[in-house]
C-alpha atoms as a PDB file:
ATOM      1  CA  MET A   1     -69.564 113.818 131.995  1.00  0.00           C
ATOM      2  CA  LYS A   2     -69.300 112.122 128.581  1.00  0.00           C
ATOM      3  CA  ILE A   3     -65.957 111.017 127.132  1.00  0.00           C
ATOM      4  CA  LEU A   4     -65.028 109.581 123.751  1.00  0.00           C
ATOM      5  CA  LEU A   5     -62.008 107.358 124.351  1.00  0.00           C
ATOM      6  CA  VAL A   6     -59.699 106.024 121.629  1.00  0.00           C
ATOM      7  CA  SER A   7     -56.199 104.625 121.363  1.00  0.00           C
ATOM      8  CA  ASP A   8     -53.574 103.429 118.930  1.00  0.00           C
ATOM      9  CA  SER A   9     -54.754 105.252 115.805  1.00  0.00           C
ATOM     10  CA  HIS A  10     -51.212 105.138 114.355  1.00  0.00           C
ATOM     11  CA  GLY A  11     -51.309 108.164 112.065  1.00  0.00           C
ATOM     12  CA  GLU A  12     -54.896 107.784 110.853  1.00  0.00           C
ATOM     13  CA  ILE A  13     -56.360 111.253 111.386  1.00  0.00           C
ATOM     14  CA  ASN A  14     -59.498 110.733 109.275  1.00  0.00           C
ATOM     15  CA  ILE A  15     -61.006 108.177 111.670  1.00  0.00           C
ATOM     16  CA  LEU A  16     -60.496 110.609 114.563  1.00  0.00           C
ATOM     17  CA  LYS A  17     -62.174 113.430 112.627  1.00  0.00           C
ATOM     18  CA  SER A  18     -65.112 111.215 111.696  1.00  0.00           C
ATOM     19  CA  LEU A  19     -65.606 110.166 115.339  1.00  0.00           C
ATOM     20  CA  VAL A  20     -65.706 113.814 116.434  1.00  0.00           C
ATOM     21  CA  LYS A  21     -68.373 114.440 113.765  1.00  0.00           C
ATOM     22  CA  MET A  22     -70.343 111.419 115.013  1.00  0.00           C
ATOM     23  CA  TYR A  23     -70.061 112.561 118.644  1.00  0.00           C
ATOM     24  CA  PRO A  24     -69.907 116.387 118.573  1.00  0.00           C
ATOM     25  CA  LYS A  25     -71.147 116.979 122.124  1.00  0.00           C
ATOM     26  CA  MET A  26     -68.653 115.076 124.281  1.00  0.00           C
ATOM     27  CA  ASP A  27     -67.202 116.780 127.342  1.00  0.00           C
ATOM     28  CA  LEU A  28     -63.785 115.252 126.627  1.00  0.00           C
ATOM     29  CA  TYR A  29     -62.052 113.484 123.763  1.00  0.00           C
ATOM     30  CA  LEU A  30     -59.230 111.324 125.125  1.00  0.00           C
ATOM     31  CA  HIS A  31     -56.563 109.362 123.255  1.00  0.00           C
ATOM     32  CA  CYS A  32     -54.524 106.736 125.134  1.00  0.00           C
ATOM     33  CA  GLY A  33     -51.446 107.220 122.962  1.00  0.00           C
ATOM     34  CA  ASP A  34     -49.804 106.048 119.757  1.00  0.00           C
ATOM     35  CA  SER A  35     -51.548 108.589 117.579  1.00  0.00           C
ATOM     36  CA  GLU A  36     -48.217 109.154 115.800  1.00  0.00           C
ATOM     37  CA  LEU A  37     -49.399 112.732 115.315  1.00  0.00           C
ATOM     38  CA  ASP A  38     -48.762 115.957 117.197  1.00  0.00           C
ATOM     39  CA  PRO A  39     -51.074 117.362 119.886  1.00  0.00           C
ATOM     40  CA  TYR A  40     -52.306 120.133 117.582  1.00  0.00           C
ATOM     41  CA  THR A  41     -53.276 117.829 114.713  1.00  0.00           C
ATOM     42  CA  ILE A  42     -55.335 115.482 116.907  1.00  0.00           C
ATOM     43  CA  SER A  43     -57.239 118.280 118.643  1.00  0.00           C
ATOM     44  CA  PRO A  44     -59.842 118.135 120.192  1.00  0.00           C
ATOM     45  CA  PHE A  45     -58.365 114.848 121.473  1.00  0.00           C
ATOM     46  CA  PHE A  46     -56.151 115.167 124.539  1.00  0.00           C
ATOM     47  CA  SER A  47     -53.523 112.424 124.435  1.00  0.00           C
ATOM     48  CA  CYS A  48     -50.844 110.866 126.569  1.00  0.00           C
ATOM     49  CA  LYS A  49     -47.526 109.762 125.061  1.00  0.00           C
ATOM     50  CA  GLY A  50     -47.430 106.294 123.545  1.00  0.00           C
ATOM     51  CA  ASN A  51     -44.345 104.274 122.643  1.00  0.00           C
ATOM     52  CA  CYS A  52     -44.760 105.398 118.988  1.00  0.00           C
ATOM     53  CA  ASP A  53     -45.297 109.089 119.836  1.00  0.00           C
ATOM     54  CA  TYR A  54     -42.258 111.328 119.569  1.00  0.00           C
ATOM     55  CA  HIS A  55     -43.652 114.822 120.096  1.00  0.00           C
ATOM     56  CA  GLU A  56     -42.267 116.382 123.291  1.00  0.00           C
ATOM     57  CA  ASP A  57     -45.569 118.068 124.233  1.00  0.00           C
ATOM     58  CA  PHE A  58     -47.272 114.774 125.109  1.00  0.00           C
ATOM     59  CA  LEU A  59     -47.345 113.894 128.813  1.00  0.00           C
ATOM     60  CA  LYS A  60     -46.566 110.304 129.797  1.00  0.00           C
ATOM     61  CA  GLN A  61     -49.303 110.263 132.432  1.00  0.00           C
ATOM     62  CA  ILE A  62     -52.427 112.397 132.812  1.00  0.00           C
ATOM     63  CA  LYS A  63     -54.707 112.812 135.820  1.00  0.00           C
ATOM     64  CA  ILE A  64     -58.155 114.402 135.392  1.00  0.00           C
ATOM     65  CA  ASN A  65     -60.809 115.118 138.013  1.00  0.00           C
ATOM     66  CA  THR A  66     -64.253 113.629 137.248  1.00  0.00           C
ATOM     67  CA  PRO A  67     -67.533 113.466 139.197  1.00  0.00           C
ATOM     68  CA  TYR A  68     -66.719 109.837 140.194  1.00  0.00           C
ATOM     69  CA  GLY A  69     -63.117 110.475 141.235  1.00  0.00           C
ATOM     70  CA  TYR A  70     -59.835 111.018 139.455  1.00  0.00           C
ATOM     71  CA  LEU A  71     -59.152 109.472 136.069  1.00  0.00           C
ATOM     72  CA  PHE A  72     -55.565 108.364 135.376  1.00  0.00           C
ATOM     73  CA  MET A  73     -54.433 107.817 131.786  1.00  0.00           C
ATOM     74  CA  GLN A  74     -51.215 106.396 130.399  1.00  0.00           C
ATOM     75  CA  HIS A  75     -50.405 104.365 127.304  1.00  0.00           C
ATOM     76  CA  LYS A  76     -49.218 101.091 128.823  1.00  0.00           C
ATOM     77  CA  ASN A  77     -51.398  99.122 131.224  1.00  0.00           C
ATOM     78  CA  ASP A  78     -48.684  98.550 133.857  1.00  0.00           C
ATOM     79  CA  PHE A  79     -49.848 101.165 136.340  1.00  0.00           C
ATOM     80  CA  PRO A  80     -47.446 102.046 139.181  1.00  0.00           C
ATOM     81  CA  LEU A  81     -48.560 100.536 142.498  1.00  0.00           C
ATOM     82  CA  ASN A  82     -48.658 103.908 144.256  1.00  0.00           C
ATOM     83  CA  VAL A  83     -51.161 105.026 141.596  1.00  0.00           C
ATOM     84  CA  VAL A  84     -53.291 101.851 141.831  1.00  0.00           C
ATOM     85  CA  TYR A  85     -53.490 102.160 145.614  1.00  0.00           C
ATOM     86  CA  ASP A  86     -54.318 105.886 145.496  1.00  0.00           C
ATOM     87  CA  GLU A  87     -57.927 105.954 146.770  1.00  0.00           C
ATOM     88  CA  SER A  88     -58.680 109.195 144.910  1.00  0.00           C
ATOM     89  CA  ILE A  89     -58.048 107.537 141.518  1.00  0.00           C
ATOM     90  CA  LYS A  90     -61.070 105.530 140.388  1.00  0.00           C
ATOM     91  CA  ILE A  91     -60.643 105.233 136.605  1.00  0.00           C
ATOM     92  CA  PHE A  92     -57.565 103.876 134.843  1.00  0.00           C
ATOM     93  CA  LEU A  93     -57.258 104.289 131.083  1.00  0.00           C
ATOM     94  CA  SER A  94     -54.632 102.645 128.902  1.00  0.00           C
ATOM     95  CA  GLY A  95     -54.018 101.536 125.343  1.00  0.00           C
ATOM     96  CA  HIS A  96     -50.974  99.719 123.902  1.00  0.00           C
ATOM     97  CA  THR A  97     -52.382  96.173 123.722  1.00  0.00           C
ATOM     98  CA  HIS A  98     -54.822  96.967 120.873  1.00  0.00           C
ATOM     99  CA  ILE A  99     -57.329  94.727 122.708  1.00  0.00           C
ATOM    100  CA  PRO A 100     -60.429  96.373 124.212  1.00  0.00           C
ATOM    101  CA  SER A 101     -61.374  95.638 127.801  1.00  0.00           C
ATOM    102  CA  ILE A 102     -63.399  97.006 130.689  1.00  0.00           C
ATOM    103  CA  LYS A 103     -62.736  95.601 134.162  1.00  0.00           C
ATOM    104  CA  LYS A 104     -64.137  96.691 137.495  1.00  0.00           C
ATOM    105  CA  ILE A 105     -62.191  95.832 140.632  1.00  0.00           C
ATOM    106  CA  GLY A 106     -63.914  97.124 143.757  1.00  0.00           C
ATOM    107  CA  ASP A 107     -64.854 100.709 142.925  1.00  0.00           C
ATOM    108  CA  LYS A 108     -62.058 101.110 140.339  1.00  0.00           C
ATOM    109  CA  TYR A 109     -62.406 100.764 136.587  1.00  0.00           C
ATOM    110  CA  PHE A 110     -59.644  99.678 134.214  1.00  0.00           C
ATOM    111  CA  ILE A 111     -60.508 100.544 130.624  1.00  0.00           C
ATOM    112  CA  ASN A 112     -58.681  99.953 127.351  1.00  0.00           C
ATOM    113  CA  PRO A 113     -60.519 101.082 124.189  1.00  0.00           C
ATOM    114  CA  GLY A 114     -58.488  98.759 121.956  1.00  0.00           C
ATOM    115  CA  SER A 115     -57.198 100.151 118.676  1.00  0.00           C
ATOM    116  CA  ILE A 116     -59.249 102.312 116.364  1.00  0.00           C
ATOM    117  CA  THR A 117     -57.146 101.240 113.338  1.00  0.00           C
ATOM    118  CA  ARG A 118     -55.038  98.154 114.120  1.00  0.00           C
ATOM    119  CA  PRO A 119     -56.985  95.771 116.353  1.00  0.00           C
ATOM    120  CA  ARG A 120     -55.528  92.552 117.734  1.00  0.00           C
ATOM    121  CA  GLY A 121     -56.967  89.396 119.236  1.00  0.00           C
ATOM    122  CA  GLY A 122     -59.553  88.858 116.517  1.00  0.00           C
ATOM    123  CA  ASN A 123     -61.390  92.079 117.397  1.00  0.00           C
ATOM    124  CA  ASN A 124     -62.712  94.741 115.066  1.00  0.00           C
ATOM    125  CA  PRO A 125     -61.452  98.322 115.465  1.00  0.00           C
ATOM    126  CA  SER A 126     -62.962  99.804 118.616  1.00  0.00           C
ATOM    127  CA  TYR A 127     -63.400 102.807 120.872  1.00  0.00           C
ATOM    128  CA  VAL A 128     -65.220 103.485 124.149  1.00  0.00           C
ATOM    129  CA  ILE A 129     -68.006 105.844 125.146  1.00  0.00           C
ATOM    130  CA  LEU A 130     -67.608 106.613 128.834  1.00  0.00           C
ATOM    131  CA  THR A 131     -70.339 108.285 130.888  1.00  0.00           C
ATOM    132  CA  ILE A 132     -69.236 109.326 134.356  1.00  0.00           C
ATOM    133  CA  GLU A 133     -71.623 110.368 137.115  1.00  0.00           C
ATOM    134  CA  LYS A 134     -70.975 110.988 140.800  1.00  0.00           C
ATOM    135  CA  ASP A 135     -72.081 107.504 141.863  1.00  0.00           C
ATOM    136  CA  LYS A 136     -71.607 105.380 138.738  1.00  0.00           C
ATOM    137  CA  ILE A 137     -69.781 104.826 135.488  1.00  0.00           C
ATOM    138  CA  ASP A 138     -71.126 103.456 132.239  1.00  0.00           C
ATOM    139  CA  ALA A 139     -68.469 102.309 129.768  1.00  0.00           C
ATOM    140  CA  LYS A 140     -69.367 100.804 126.413  1.00  0.00           C
ATOM    141  CA  ILE A 141     -66.978  99.347 123.852  1.00  0.00           C
ATOM    142  CA  ILE A 142     -68.130 100.266 120.352  1.00  0.00           C
ATOM    143  CA  TYR A 143     -66.869  98.074 117.512  1.00  0.00           C
ATOM    144  CA  ILE A 144     -66.577  99.434 113.989  1.00  0.00           C
END
């Protein structure tokens, strides 16, 4: 399973469209919130609700089954403890900080793609390519 993961695009639709053109064969396009757009405009990206998203059709939290285990996505990186300790959830995706990171703790991955348009911490704009297999995950931060 291949996923293009972005976050915090803050109204910039053209960068999202260009990424879809660059990566046309992804299984999923995920956005960790703060698109400042509506769910129809950012399609094919599936997004959770960020603190700057006001459309009522965005879900605050999203859980998706993958070959490695469940993926849990929300905008902020303060995951509820009952979610962190859920053994079926293996991948945690968040945005909000605008700082990219990939951390592995035990068999769980915590991934933030950073911001595709407004990076912080001295980083360039970034996104993540995530490849998920039954027994392993490969996550790569791509800087623009």
